[in-house]
Amino acid sequence: KVVKLLQQEEVVAMYRVVIAEVGNNPQLAQLFYEAGPLQSMNILTNYLHSQKELSLNQDDASVWATTFCNMLKGEYHFLSLLGLPYALSDIQQRELVTTAVANFQKLLLK
């Protein structure tokens, strides 16, 4: 769902507006970050921290949450922010998520 969400035209437009306004209103960027990306990151951090078999402290869980979210963004997110063609088909979205999860597990569970 994250990949699908980040591809929605409204979401891409919101990212672009926030980025464009950073120079004029830095607080807008902070509010946007706290309302969306940070909340998602905190949820994932807390989930990873709660997985006892991983033995992650809160700081390490946060690093891994950031790593996983960045893996989900991939190239399409950069393309979308730059106004370049970025849409992934449903199949490509599933492949991206499957690959990100598999690579994440390899890194985290090594």
PDB file of N, CA and C in Angstrom:
ATOM      1  N   LYS A   1       0.812  -1.202   0.000  1.00  0.00           N
ATOM      2  CA  LYS A   1       0.000   0.000   0.000  1.00  0.00           C
ATOM      3  C   LYS A   1       0.854   1.264   0.000  1.00  0.00           C
ATOM      4  N   VAL A   2       2.034   1.188   0.594  1.00  0.00           N
ATOM      5  CA  VAL A   2       2.920   2.359   0.623  1.00  0.00           C
ATOM      6  C   VAL A   2       3.338   2.732  -0.785  1.00  0.00           C
ATOM      7  N   VAL A   3       3.706   1.741  -1.575  1.00  0.00           N
ATOM      8  CA  VAL A   3       4.145   2.009  -2.944  1.00  0.00           C
ATOM      9  C   VAL A   3       2.998   2.615  -3.749  1.00  0.00           C
ATOM     10  N   LYS A   4       1.817   2.051  -3.611  1.00  0.00           N
ATOM     11  CA  LYS A   4       0.640   2.583  -4.318  1.00  0.00           C
ATOM     12  C   LYS A   4       0.354   4.010  -3.866  1.00  0.00           C
ATOM     13  N   LEU A   5       0.430   4.258  -2.563  1.00  0.00           N
ATOM     14  CA  LEU A   5       0.186   5.595  -2.019  1.00  0.00           C
ATOM     15  C   LEU A   5       1.174   6.613  -2.581  1.00  0.00           C
ATOM     16  N   LEU A   6       2.450   6.253  -2.597  1.00  0.00           N
ATOM     17  CA  LEU A   6       3.471   7.192  -3.068  1.00  0.00           C
ATOM     18  C   LEU A   6       3.383   7.476  -4.566  1.00  0.00           C
ATOM     19  N   GLN A   7       2.596   6.687  -5.274  1.00  0.00           N
ATOM     20  CA  GLN A   7       2.416   6.923  -6.713  1.00  0.00           C
ATOM     21  C   GLN A   7       1.158   7.731  -7.036  1.00  0.00           C
ATOM     22  N   GLN A   8       0.311   7.957  -6.048  1.00  0.00           N
ATOM     23  CA  GLN A   8      -0.911   8.717  -6.302  1.00  0.00           C
ATOM     24  C   GLN A   8      -0.568  10.146  -6.688  1.00  0.00           C
ATOM     25  N   GLU A   9      -1.240  10.643  -7.700  1.00  0.00           N
ATOM     26  CA  GLU A   9      -0.945  11.991  -8.199  1.00  0.00           C
ATOM     27  C   GLU A   9      -1.057  13.045  -7.110  1.00  0.00           C
ATOM     28  N   GLU A  10      -2.052  12.893  -6.235  1.00  0.00           N
ATOM     29  CA  GLU A  10      -2.244  13.875  -5.157  1.00  0.00           C
ATOM     30  C   GLU A  10      -1.067  13.857  -4.181  1.00  0.00           C
ATOM     31  N   VAL A  11      -0.556  12.684  -3.901  1.00  0.00           N
ATOM     32  CA  VAL A  11       0.568  12.553  -2.970  1.00  0.00           C
ATOM     33  C   VAL A  11       1.830  13.132  -3.595  1.00  0.00           C
ATOM     34  N   VAL A  12       2.072  12.808  -4.857  1.00  0.00           N
ATOM     35  CA  VAL A  12       3.234  13.351  -5.565  1.00  0.00           C
ATOM     36  C   VAL A  12       3.135  14.876  -5.613  1.00  0.00           C
ATOM     37  N   ALA A  13       1.949  15.385  -5.898  1.00  0.00           N
ATOM     38  CA  ALA A  13       1.748  16.840  -5.964  1.00  0.00           C
ATOM     39  C   ALA A  13       2.032  17.474  -4.596  1.00  0.00           C
ATOM     40  N   MET A  14       1.600  16.825  -3.523  1.00  0.00           N
ATOM     41  CA  MET A  14       1.835  17.359  -2.181  1.00  0.00           C
ATOM     42  C   MET A  14       3.334  17.413  -1.871  1.00  0.00           C
ATOM     43  N   TYR A  15       4.046  16.351  -2.194  1.00  0.00           N
ATOM     44  CA  TYR A  15       5.502  16.358  -1.998  1.00  0.00           C
ATOM     45  C   TYR A  15       6.136  17.524  -2.757  1.00  0.00           C
ATOM     46  N   ARG A  16       5.718  17.707  -3.997  1.00  0.00           N
ATOM     47  CA  ARG A  16       6.303  18.784  -4.816  1.00  0.00           C
ATOM     48  C   ARG A  16       6.010  20.159  -4.230  1.00  0.00           C
ATOM     49  N   VAL A  17       4.783  20.368  -3.753  1.00  0.00           N
ATOM     50  CA  VAL A  17       4.411  21.656  -3.154  1.00  0.00           C
ATOM     51  C   VAL A  17       5.247  21.911  -1.907  1.00  0.00           C
ATOM     52  N   VAL A  18       5.363  20.911  -1.062  1.00  0.00           N
ATOM     53  CA  VAL A  18       6.140  21.076   0.170  1.00  0.00           C
ATOM     54  C   VAL A  18       7.593  21.395  -0.163  1.00  0.00           C
ATOM     55  N   ILE A  19       8.166  20.668  -1.097  1.00  0.00           N
ATOM     56  CA  ILE A  19       9.559  20.914  -1.487  1.00  0.00           C
ATOM     57  C   ILE A  19       9.722  22.320  -2.055  1.00  0.00           C
ATOM     58  N   ALA A  20       8.774  22.746  -2.871  1.00  0.00           N
ATOM     59  CA  ALA A  20       8.845  24.082  -3.479  1.00  0.00           C
ATOM     60  C   ALA A  20       8.733  25.192  -2.436  1.00  0.00           C
ATOM     61  N   GLU A  21       8.024  24.932  -1.346  1.00  0.00           N
ATOM     62  CA  GLU A  21       7.779  25.964  -0.336  1.00  0.00           C
ATOM     63  C   GLU A  21       8.773  25.961   0.826  1.00  0.00           C
ATOM     64  N   VAL A  22       9.704  25.031   0.827  1.00  0.00           N
ATOM     65  CA  VAL A  22      10.644  24.924   1.945  1.00  0.00           C
ATOM     66  C   VAL A  22      11.374  26.238   2.191  1.00  0.00           C
ATOM     67  N   GLY A  23      11.795  26.890   1.149  1.00  0.00           N
ATOM     68  CA  GLY A  23      12.527  28.151   1.310  1.00  0.00           C
ATOM     69  C   GLY A  23      11.678  29.251   1.919  1.00  0.00           C
ATOM     70  N   ASN A  24      10.404  29.272   1.593  1.00  0.00           N
ATOM     71  CA  ASN A  24       9.502  30.309   2.101  1.00  0.00           C
ATOM     72  C   ASN A  24       8.915  29.967   3.467  1.00  0.00           C
ATOM     73  N   ASN A  25       8.722  28.667   3.718  1.00  0.00           N
ATOM     74  CA  ASN A  25       8.048  28.259   4.941  1.00  0.00           C
ATOM     75  C   ASN A  25       8.603  26.924   5.437  1.00  0.00           C
ATOM     76  N   PRO A  26       9.744  26.957   6.103  1.00  0.00           N
ATOM     77  CA  PRO A  26      10.353  25.718   6.577  1.00  0.00           C
ATOM     78  C   PRO A  26       9.455  24.929   7.530  1.00  0.00           C
ATOM     79  N   GLN A  27       8.579  25.615   8.244  1.00  0.00           N
ATOM     80  CA  GLN A  27       7.673  24.924   9.163  1.00  0.00           C
ATOM     81  C   GLN A  27       6.702  24.016   8.426  1.00  0.00           C
ATOM     82  N   LEU A  28       6.362  24.366   7.197  1.00  0.00           N
ATOM     83  CA  LEU A  28       5.469  23.530   6.396  1.00  0.00           C
ATOM     84  C   LEU A  28       6.096  22.156   6.191  1.00  0.00           C
ATOM     85  N   ALA A  29       7.372  22.136   5.872  1.00  0.00           N
ATOM     86  CA  ALA A  29       8.066  20.864   5.676  1.00  0.00           C
ATOM     87  C   ALA A  29       8.077  20.053   6.966  1.00  0.00           C
ATOM     88  N   GLN A  30       8.317  20.712   8.093  1.00  0.00           N
ATOM     89  CA  GLN A  30       8.338  20.022   9.380  1.00  0.00           C
ATOM     90  C   GLN A  30       6.963  19.432   9.697  1.00  0.00           C
ATOM     91  N   LEU A  31       5.918  20.192   9.474  1.00  0.00           N
ATOM     92  CA  LEU A  31       4.556  19.712   9.732  1.00  0.00           C
ATOM     93  C   LEU A  31       4.210  18.532   8.828  1.00  0.00           C
ATOM     94  N   PHE A  32       4.572  18.644   7.562  1.00  0.00           N
ATOM     95  CA  PHE A  32       4.309  17.562   6.608  1.00  0.00           C
ATOM     96  C   PHE A  32       5.039  16.294   7.044  1.00  0.00           C
ATOM     97  N   TYR A  33       6.306  16.440   7.405  1.00  0.00           N
ATOM     98  CA  TYR A  33       7.112  15.295   7.822  1.00  0.00           C
ATOM     99  C   TYR A  33       6.519  14.642   9.072  1.00  0.00           C
ATOM    100  N   GLU A  34       6.161  15.440  10.037  1.00  0.00           N
ATOM    101  CA  GLU A  34       5.616  14.898  11.281  1.00  0.00           C
ATOM    102  C   GLU A  34       4.255  14.235  11.082  1.00  0.00           C
ATOM    103  N   ALA A  35       3.445  14.772  10.177  1.00  0.00           N
ATOM    104  CA  ALA A  35       2.098  14.243   9.960  1.00  0.00           C
ATOM    105  C   ALA A  35       2.092  12.964   9.146  1.00  0.00           C
ATOM    106  N   GLY A  36       3.100  12.775   8.297  1.00  0.00           N
ATOM    107  CA  GLY A  36       3.091  11.612   7.416  1.00  0.00           C
ATOM    108  C   GLY A  36       4.282  10.699   7.585  1.00  0.00           C
ATOM    109  N   PRO A  37       5.390  11.023   6.948  1.00  0.00           N
ATOM    110  CA  PRO A  37       6.551  10.127   6.965  1.00  0.00           C
ATOM    111  C   PRO A  37       7.021   9.743   8.373  1.00  0.00           C
ATOM    112  N   LEU A  38       7.081  10.682   9.283  1.00  0.00           N
ATOM    113  CA  LEU A  38       7.579  10.370  10.622  1.00  0.00           C
ATOM    114  C   LEU A  38       6.644   9.409  11.358  1.00  0.00           C
ATOM    115  N   GLN A  39       5.343   9.613  11.217  1.00  0.00           N
ATOM    116  CA  GLN A  39       4.397   8.700  11.870  1.00  0.00           C
ATOM    117  C   GLN A  39       4.553   7.278  11.335  1.00  0.00           C
ATOM    118  N   SER A  40       4.682   7.162  10.031  1.00  0.00           N
ATOM    119  CA  SER A  40       4.872   5.839   9.423  1.00  0.00           C
ATOM    120  C   SER A  40       6.163   5.207   9.913  1.00  0.00           C
ATOM    121  N   MET A  41       7.208   6.001   9.974  1.00  0.00           N
ATOM    122  CA  MET A  41       8.504   5.506  10.427  1.00  0.00           C
ATOM    123  C   MET A  41       8.432   5.055  11.881  1.00  0.00           C
ATOM    124  N   ASN A  42       7.720   5.812  12.711  1.00  0.00           N
ATOM    125  CA  ASN A  42       7.582   5.444  14.121  1.00  0.00           C
ATOM    126  C   ASN A  42       6.815   4.139  14.295  1.00  0.00           C
ATOM    127  N   ILE A  43       5.786   3.941  13.509  1.00  0.00           N
ATOM    128  CA  ILE A  43       5.012   2.697  13.574  1.00  0.00           C
ATOM    129  C   ILE A  43       5.905   1.515  13.225  1.00  0.00           C
ATOM    130  N   LEU A  44       6.653   1.644  12.141  1.00  0.00           N
ATOM    131  CA  LEU A  44       7.536   0.558  11.729  1.00  0.00           C
ATOM    132  C   LEU A  44       8.667   0.350  12.728  1.00  0.00           C
ATOM    133  N   THR A  45       9.221   1.429  13.245  1.00  0.00           N
ATOM    134  CA  THR A  45      10.268   1.325  14.265  1.00  0.00           C
ATOM    135  C   THR A  45       9.761   0.560  15.477  1.00  0.00           C
ATOM    136  N   ASN A  46       8.601   0.925  15.950  1.00  0.00           N
ATOM    137  CA  ASN A  46       8.033   0.256  17.128  1.00  0.00           C
ATOM    138  C   ASN A  46       7.740  -1.211  16.848  1.00  0.00           C
ATOM    139  N   TYR A  47       7.283  -1.504  15.636  1.00  0.00           N
ATOM    140  CA  TYR A  47       7.030  -2.895  15.275  1.00  0.00           C
ATOM    141  C   TYR A  47       8.336  -3.700  15.297  1.00  0.00           C
ATOM    142  N   LEU A  48       9.369  -3.178  14.650  1.00  0.00           N
ATOM    143  CA  LEU A  48      10.641  -3.890  14.611  1.00  0.00           C
ATOM    144  C   LEU A  48      11.223  -4.054  16.015  1.00  0.00           C
ATOM    145  N   HIS A  49      11.102  -3.017  16.816  1.00  0.00           N
ATOM    146  CA  HIS A  49      11.611  -3.082  18.182  1.00  0.00           C
ATOM    147  C   HIS A  49      10.860  -4.134  19.003  1.00  0.00           C
ATOM    148  N   SER A  50       9.588  -4.319  18.714  1.00  0.00           N
ATOM    149  CA  SER A  50       8.777  -5.283  19.479  1.00  0.00           C
ATOM    150  C   SER A  50       9.056  -6.738  19.107  1.00  0.00           C
ATOM    151  N   GLN A  51       9.745  -6.950  17.983  1.00  0.00           N
ATOM    152  CA  GLN A  51      10.048  -8.316  17.556  1.00  0.00           C
ATOM    153  C   GLN A  51      11.259  -8.824  18.330  1.00  0.00           C
ATOM    154  N   LYS A  52      10.992  -9.540  19.394  1.00  0.00           N
ATOM    155  CA  LYS A  52      12.041  -9.962  20.327  1.00  0.00           C
ATOM    156  C   LYS A  52      13.146 -10.770  19.651  1.00  0.00           C
ATOM    157  N   GLU A  53      12.778 -11.562  18.635  1.00  0.00           N
ATOM    158  CA  GLU A  53      13.791 -12.386  17.969  1.00  0.00           C
ATOM    159  C   GLU A  53      14.829 -11.542  17.219  1.00  0.00           C
ATOM    160  N   LEU A  54      14.494 -10.285  16.937  1.00  0.00           N
ATOM    161  CA  LEU A  54      15.450  -9.410  16.253  1.00  0.00           C
ATOM    162  C   LEU A  54      16.435  -8.773  17.234  1.00  0.00           C
ATOM    163  N   SER A  55      16.050  -8.670  18.467  1.00  0.00           N
ATOM    164  CA  SER A  55      16.910  -8.069  19.506  1.00  0.00           C
ATOM    165  C   SER A  55      17.418  -6.686  19.120  1.00  0.00           C
ATOM    166  N   LEU A  56      16.522  -5.835  18.632  1.00  0.00           N
ATOM    167  CA  LEU A  56      16.911  -4.481  18.237  1.00  0.00           C
ATOM    168  C   LEU A  56      16.545  -3.488  19.332  1.00  0.00           C
ATOM    169  N   ASN A  57      17.490  -2.616  19.664  1.00  0.00           N
ATOM    170  CA  ASN A  57      17.126  -1.516  20.542  1.00  0.00           C
ATOM    171  C   ASN A  57      16.362  -0.478  19.706  1.00  0.00           C
ATOM    172  N   GLN A  58      15.829   0.529  20.346  1.00  0.00           N
ATOM    173  CA  GLN A  58      14.982   1.513  19.654  1.00  0.00           C
ATOM    174  C   GLN A  58      15.749   2.232  18.536  1.00  0.00           C
ATOM    175  N   ASP A  59      16.999   2.597  18.789  1.00  0.00           N
ATOM    176  CA  ASP A  59      17.793   3.307  17.783  1.00  0.00           C
ATOM    177  C   ASP A  59      18.064   2.429  16.562  1.00  0.00           C
ATOM    178  N   ASP A  60      18.439   1.182  16.799  1.00  0.00           N
ATOM    179  CA  ASP A  60      18.690   0.261  15.683  1.00  0.00           C
ATOM    180  C   ASP A  60      17.409  -0.014  14.915  1.00  0.00           C
ATOM    181  N   ALA A  61      16.296  -0.157  15.622  1.00  0.00           N
ATOM    182  CA  ALA A  61      15.013  -0.378  14.964  1.00  0.00           C
ATOM    183  C   ALA A  61      14.668   0.804  14.062  1.00  0.00           C
ATOM    184  N   SER A  62      14.986   2.000  14.510  1.00  0.00           N
ATOM    185  CA  SER A  62      14.737   3.203  13.715  1.00  0.00           C
ATOM    186  C   SER A  62      15.573   3.206  12.430  1.00  0.00           C
ATOM    187  N   VAL A  63      16.836   2.819  12.558  1.00  0.00           N
ATOM    188  CA  VAL A  63      17.709   2.741  11.378  1.00  0.00           C
ATOM    189  C   VAL A  63      17.160   1.724  10.381  1.00  0.00           C
ATOM    190  N   TRP A  64      16.745   0.568  10.882  1.00  0.00           N
ATOM    191  CA  TRP A  64      16.208  -0.467   9.993  1.00  0.00           C
ATOM    192  C   TRP A  64      14.879  -0.042   9.374  1.00  0.00           C
ATOM    193  N   ALA A  65      14.059   0.679  10.117  1.00  0.00           N
ATOM    194  CA  ALA A  65      12.795   1.177   9.571  1.00  0.00           C
ATOM    195  C   ALA A  65      13.062   2.146   8.422  1.00  0.00           C
ATOM    196  N   THR A  66      14.026   3.015   8.618  1.00  0.00           N
ATOM    197  CA  THR A  66      14.396   3.967   7.558  1.00  0.00           C
ATOM    198  C   THR A  66      14.927   3.229   6.335  1.00  0.00           C
ATOM    199  N   THR A  67      15.753   2.242   6.571  1.00  0.00           N
ATOM    200  CA  THR A  67      16.312   1.449   5.476  1.00  0.00           C
ATOM    201  C   THR A  67      15.209   0.788   4.670  1.00  0.00           C
ATOM    202  N   PHE A  68      14.258   0.167   5.356  1.00  0.00           N
ATOM    203  CA  PHE A  68      13.180  -0.521   4.650  1.00  0.00           C
ATOM    204  C   PHE A  68      12.305   0.462   3.874  1.00  0.00           C
ATOM    205  N   CYS A  69      11.973   1.581   4.481  1.00  0.00           N
ATOM    206  CA  CYS A  69      11.152   2.579   3.770  1.00  0.00           C
ATOM    207  C   CYS A  69      11.863   3.094   2.527  1.00  0.00           C
ATOM    208  N   ASN A  70      13.153   3.304   2.629  1.00  0.00           N
ATOM    209  CA  ASN A  70      13.911   3.754   1.463  1.00  0.00           C
ATOM    210  C   ASN A  70      13.948   2.691   0.378  1.00  0.00           C
ATOM    211  N   MET A  71      13.986   1.434   0.769  1.00  0.00           N
ATOM    212  CA  MET A  71      13.955   0.349  -0.214  1.00  0.00           C
ATOM    213  C   MET A  71      12.617   0.332  -0.944  1.00  0.00           C
ATOM    214  N   LEU A  72      11.552   0.676  -0.248  1.00  0.00           N
ATOM    215  CA  LEU A  72      10.226   0.699  -0.875  1.00  0.00           C
ATOM    216  C   LEU A  72      10.053   1.878  -1.821  1.00  0.00           C
ATOM    217  N   LYS A  73      10.744   2.954  -1.557  1.00  0.00           N
ATOM    218  CA  LYS A  73      10.607   4.125  -2.425  1.00  0.00           C
ATOM    219  C   LYS A  73      11.218   3.865  -3.796  1.00  0.00           C
ATOM    220  N   GLY A  74      12.411   3.385  -3.821  1.00  0.00           N
ATOM    221  CA  GLY A  74      13.032   3.059  -5.088  1.00  0.00           C
ATOM    222  C   GLY A  74      13.164   4.248  -6.028  1.00  0.00           C
ATOM    223  N   GLU A  75      13.476   3.925  -7.251  1.00  0.00           N
ATOM    224  CA  GLU A  75      13.712   4.955  -8.265  1.00  0.00           C
ATOM    225  C   GLU A  75      12.446   5.719  -8.629  1.00  0.00           C
ATOM    226  N   TYR A  76      11.297   5.039  -8.605  1.00  0.00           N
ATOM    227  CA  TYR A  76      10.059   5.688  -9.034  1.00  0.00           C
ATOM    228  C   TYR A  76       9.765   6.944  -8.205  1.00  0.00           C
ATOM    229  N   HIS A  77      10.144   6.931  -6.930  1.00  0.00           N
ATOM    230  CA  HIS A  77       9.865   8.089  -6.075  1.00  0.00           C
ATOM    231  C   HIS A  77      10.671   9.303  -6.532  1.00  0.00           C
ATOM    232  N   PHE A  78      11.946   9.092  -6.838  1.00  0.00           N
ATOM    233  CA  PHE A  78      12.767  10.186  -7.356  1.00  0.00           C
ATOM    234  C   PHE A  78      12.197  10.710  -8.671  1.00  0.00           C
ATOM    235  N   LEU A  79      11.833   9.784  -9.551  1.00  0.00           N
ATOM    236  CA  LEU A  79      11.270  10.183 -10.840  1.00  0.00           C
ATOM    237  C   LEU A  79      10.005  11.012 -10.657  1.00  0.00           C
ATOM    238  N   SER A  80       9.150  10.584  -9.726  1.00  0.00           N
ATOM    239  CA  SER A  80       7.895  11.303  -9.510  1.00  0.00           C
ATOM    240  C   SER A  80       8.146  12.722  -9.021  1.00  0.00           C
ATOM    241  N   LEU A  81       9.096  12.892  -8.131  1.00  0.00           N
ATOM    242  CA  LEU A  81       9.396  14.222  -7.607  1.00  0.00           C
ATOM    243  C   LEU A  81       9.963  15.142  -8.676  1.00  0.00           C
ATOM    244  N   LEU A  82      10.637  14.549  -9.646  1.00  0.00           N
ATOM    245  CA  LEU A  82      11.244  15.333 -10.729  1.00  0.00           C
ATOM    246  C   LEU A  82      10.305  15.553 -11.900  1.00  0.00           C
ATOM    247  N   GLY A  83       9.091  15.025 -11.816  1.00  0.00           N
ATOM    248  CA  GLY A  83       8.123  15.209 -12.898  1.00  0.00           C
ATOM    249  C   GLY A  83       8.380  14.319 -14.089  1.00  0.00           C
ATOM    250  N   LEU A  84       9.143  13.256 -13.884  1.00  0.00           N
ATOM    251  CA  LEU A  84       9.435  12.312 -14.966  1.00  0.00           C
ATOM    252  C   LEU A  84       8.472  11.126 -14.867  1.00  0.00           C
ATOM    253  N   PRO A  85       8.280  10.385 -15.953  1.00  0.00           N
ATOM    254  CA  PRO A  85       7.381   9.226 -15.894  1.00  0.00           C
ATOM    255  C   PRO A  85       7.814   8.254 -14.793  1.00  0.00           C
ATOM    256  N   TYR A  86       6.859   7.859 -13.969  1.00  0.00           N
ATOM    257  CA  TYR A  86       7.219   7.068 -12.797  1.00  0.00           C
ATOM    258  C   TYR A  86       6.272   5.911 -12.490  1.00  0.00           C
ATOM    259  N   ALA A  87       5.133   5.864 -13.110  1.00  0.00           N
ATOM    260  CA  ALA A  87       4.097   4.902 -12.724  1.00  0.00           C
ATOM    261  C   ALA A  87       4.577   3.458 -12.861  1.00  0.00           C
ATOM    262  N   LEU A  88       4.322   2.692 -11.808  1.00  0.00           N
ATOM    263  CA  LEU A  88       4.595   1.256 -11.811  1.00  0.00           C
ATOM    264  C   LEU A  88       3.269   0.523 -11.944  1.00  0.00           C
ATOM    265  N   SER A  89       3.266  -0.522 -12.730  1.00  0.00           N
ATOM    266  CA  SER A  89       2.063  -1.352 -12.842  1.00  0.00           C
ATOM    267  C   SER A  89       1.864  -2.098 -11.529  1.00  0.00           C
ATOM    268  N   ASP A  90       0.701  -2.694 -11.362  1.00  0.00           N
ATOM    269  CA  ASP A  90       0.446  -3.486 -10.152  1.00  0.00           C
ATOM    270  C   ASP A  90       1.481  -4.596 -10.002  1.00  0.00           C
ATOM    271  N   ILE A  91       1.835  -5.219 -11.114  1.00  0.00           N
ATOM    272  CA  ILE A  91       2.836  -6.295 -11.079  1.00  0.00           C
ATOM    273  C   ILE A  91       4.192  -5.735 -10.654  1.00  0.00           C
ATOM    274  N   GLN A  92       4.584  -4.600 -11.205  1.00  0.00           N
ATOM    275  CA  GLN A  92       5.860  -3.989 -10.838  1.00  0.00           C
ATOM    276  C   GLN A  92       5.874  -3.570  -9.370  1.00  0.00           C
ATOM    277  N   GLN A  93       4.736  -3.097  -8.875  1.00  0.00           N
ATOM    278  CA  GLN A  93       4.645  -2.730  -7.461  1.00  0.00           C
ATOM    279  C   GLN A  93       4.848  -3.957  -6.579  1.00  0.00           C
ATOM    280  N   ARG A  94       4.184  -5.051  -6.914  1.00  0.00           N
ATOM    281  CA  ARG A  94       4.333  -6.278  -6.127  1.00  0.00           C
ATOM    282  C   ARG A  94       5.772  -6.783  -6.179  1.00  0.00           C
ATOM    283  N   GLU A  95       6.384  -6.710  -7.356  1.00  0.00           N
ATOM    284  CA  GLU A  95       7.777  -7.147  -7.492  1.00  0.00           C
ATOM    285  C   GLU A  95       8.705  -6.282  -6.642  1.00  0.00           C
ATOM    286  N   LEU A  96       8.469  -4.981  -6.640  1.00  0.00           N
ATOM    287  CA  LEU A  96       9.286  -4.067  -5.840  1.00  0.00           C
ATOM    288  C   LEU A  96       9.163  -4.404  -4.357  1.00  0.00           C
ATOM    289  N   VAL A  97       7.944  -4.612  -3.889  1.00  0.00           N
ATOM    290  CA  VAL A  97       7.729  -4.924  -2.479  1.00  0.00           C
ATOM    291  C   VAL A  97       8.338  -6.280  -2.134  1.00  0.00           C
ATOM    292  N   THR A  98       8.125  -7.269  -2.990  1.00  0.00           N
ATOM    293  CA  THR A  98       8.676  -8.604  -2.737  1.00  0.00           C
ATOM    294  C   THR A  98      10.191  -8.555  -2.665  1.00  0.00           C
ATOM    295  N   THR A  99      10.814  -7.849  -3.578  1.00  0.00           N
ATOM    296  CA  THR A  99      12.274  -7.718  -3.593  1.00  0.00           C
ATOM    297  C   THR A  99      12.765  -6.956  -2.370  1.00  0.00           C
ATOM    298  N   ALA A 100      12.071  -5.876  -2.024  1.00  0.00           N
ATOM    299  CA  ALA A 100      12.473  -5.081  -0.860  1.00  0.00           C
ATOM    300  C   ALA A 100      12.389  -5.919   0.414  1.00  0.00           C
ATOM    301  N   VAL A 101      11.313  -6.678   0.572  1.00  0.00           N
ATOM    302  CA  VAL A 101      11.157  -7.512   1.765  1.00  0.00           C
ATOM    303  C   VAL A 101      12.247  -8.583   1.811  1.00  0.00           C
ATOM    304  N   ALA A 102      12.489  -9.243   0.681  1.00  0.00           N
ATOM    305  CA  ALA A 102      13.510 -10.298   0.643  1.00  0.00           C
ATOM    306  C   ALA A 102      14.897  -9.724   0.959  1.00  0.00           C
ATOM    307  N   ASN A 103      15.234  -8.596   0.371  1.00  0.00           N
ATOM    308  CA  ASN A 103      16.546  -7.999   0.624  1.00  0.00           C
ATOM    309  C   ASN A 103      16.643  -7.489   2.054  1.00  0.00           C
ATOM    310  N   PHE A 104      15.570  -6.946   2.564  1.00  0.00           N
ATOM    311  CA  PHE A 104      15.541  -6.467   3.942  1.00  0.00           C
ATOM    312  C   PHE A 104      15.789  -7.615   4.910  1.00  0.00           C
ATOM    313  N   GLN A 105      15.121  -8.731   4.675  1.00  0.00           N
ATOM    314  CA  GLN A 105      15.308  -9.890   5.530  1.00  0.00           C
ATOM    315  C   GLN A 105      16.752 -10.404   5.473  1.00  0.00           C
ATOM    316  N   LYS A 106      17.326 -10.418   4.264  1.00  0.00           N
ATOM    317  CA  LYS A 106      18.718 -10.855   4.130  1.00  0.00           C
ATOM    318  C   LYS A 106      19.655  -9.966   4.942  1.00  0.00           C
ATOM    319  N   LEU A 107      19.427  -8.655   4.865  1.00  0.00           N
ATOM    320  CA  LEU A 107      20.280  -7.727   5.593  1.00  0.00           C
ATOM    321  C   LEU A 107      20.076  -7.815   7.103  1.00  0.00           C
ATOM    322  N   LEU A 108      18.836  -7.863   7.502  1.00  0.00           N
ATOM    323  CA  LEU A 108      18.519  -7.825   8.924  1.00  0.00           C
ATOM    324  C   LEU A 108      18.821  -9.135   9.635  1.00  0.00           C
ATOM    325  N   LEU A 109      18.634 -10.226   8.945  1.00  0.00           N
ATOM    326  CA  LEU A 109      18.766 -11.527   9.585  1.00  0.00           C
ATOM    327  C   LEU A 109      20.097 -12.229   9.297  1.00  0.00           C
ATOM    328  N   LYS A 110      21.040 -11.507   8.734  1.00  0.00           N
ATOM    329  CA  LYS A 110      22.329 -12.127   8.382  1.00  0.00           C
ATOM    330  C   LYS A 110      23.092 -12.605   9.575  1.00  0.00           C
TER     331      LYS A 110
END
